């Protein structure tokens, strides 16, 4: 996982804890996540029993648009 995804996951943890739906959507818009994917991410994150940064980062990565695997660890 790269630093950007880690940062985004941390921000989403905070926003979900605050329960501010509008801020969640606005942040995802800044992340350049397509609208259809935003809904999927929100549903998957909401379904988590514990909203931890690492779990959310995995969800973000699973819907990422990068063609290069993060496992390369550049």
Protein backbone atom coordinates (compact mmCIF):
# COMPACT_ATOMS: atom_id res chain seq x y z
CA UNK A 1 0.00 0.00 0.00
CA UNK A 2 1.36 3.39 -0.86
CA UNK A 3 1.37 6.56 1.23
CA UNK A 4 -1.47 8.18 -0.71
CA UNK A 5 -3.86 5.29 -0.14
CA UNK A 6 -2.83 5.19 3.51
CA UNK A 7 -3.62 8.91 3.83
CA UNK A 8 -6.98 8.52 2.05
CA UNK A 9 -7.91 5.60 4.30
CA UNK A 10 -7.06 7.60 7.43
CA UNK A 11 -9.21 10.50 6.24
CA UNK A 12 -12.11 8.17 5.49
CA UNK A 13 -11.86 6.60 8.95
CA UNK A 14 -12.20 10.06 10.46
CA UNK A 15 -15.09 11.08 8.19
CA UNK A 16 -17.00 7.85 8.80
CA UNK A 17 -16.50 8.26 12.55
CA UNK A 18 -18.00 11.76 12.26
CA UNK A 19 -20.91 10.39 10.24
CA UNK A 20 -20.69 13.27 7.76
CA UNK A 21 -22.02 11.81 4.49
CA UNK A 22 -21.55 14.98 2.48
CA UNK A 23 -17.90 15.29 3.50
CA UNK A 24 -17.35 11.63 2.61
CA UNK A 25 -18.69 12.18 -0.91
CA UNK A 26 -16.75 15.42 -1.30
CA UNK A 27 -13.51 13.76 -0.20
CA UNK A 28 -14.06 10.87 -2.60
CA UNK A 29 -14.68 13.38 -5.37
CA UNK A 30 -11.29 14.96 -4.55
CA UNK A 31 -9.81 11.46 -4.74
CA UNK A 32 -11.13 11.33 -8.35
CA UNK A 33 -13.23 8.26 -7.62
CA UNK A 34 -16.04 7.81 -10.15
CA UNK A 35 -19.56 8.25 -8.74
CA UNK A 36 -20.57 4.64 -9.31
CA UNK A 37 -17.49 3.42 -7.43
CA UNK A 38 -18.12 5.89 -4.57
CA UNK A 39 -21.38 4.14 -3.71
CA UNK A 40 -19.71 0.74 -3.74
CA UNK A 41 -16.88 1.95 -1.51
CA UNK A 42 -19.28 3.54 0.96
CA UNK A 43 -21.35 0.34 1.14
CA UNK A 44 -18.28 -1.84 1.69
CA UNK A 45 -16.76 0.49 4.28
CA UNK A 46 -20.11 0.80 6.09
CA UNK A 47 -20.36 -2.99 6.28
CA UNK A 48 -17.06 -3.29 8.15
CA UNK A 49 -17.44 -4.25 11.80
CA UNK A 50 -14.36 -2.18 12.69
CA UNK A 51 -13.43 0.74 10.45
CA UNK A 52 -9.68 0.55 10.60
CA UNK A 53 -7.30 2.34 8.28
CA UNK A 54 -5.76 -0.88 6.96
CA UNK A 55 -9.14 -2.44 6.15
CA UNK A 56 -10.32 0.69 4.35
CA UNK A 57 -7.04 0.92 2.45
CA UNK A 58 -7.56 -2.63 1.17
CA UNK A 59 -11.03 -1.68 -0.05
CA UNK A 60 -9.68 1.43 -1.78
CA UNK A 61 -6.97 -0.65 -3.45
CA UNK A 62 -9.46 -3.26 -4.60
CA UNK A 63 -11.34 -0.55 -6.53
CA UNK A 64 -8.25 1.33 -7.64
CA UNK A 65 -7.52 2.32 -11.19
CA UNK A 66 -3.78 1.72 -11.08
CA UNK A 67 -2.45 -0.76 -13.62
CA UNK A 68 0.71 -1.37 -11.55
CA UNK A 69 0.44 -3.66 -8.57
CA UNK A 70 1.24 -2.01 -5.26
CA UNK A 71 3.06 -5.21 -4.31
CA UNK A 72 6.05 -4.08 -6.36
CA UNK A 73 6.93 -1.73 -3.48
CA UNK A 74 8.71 0.96 -5.46
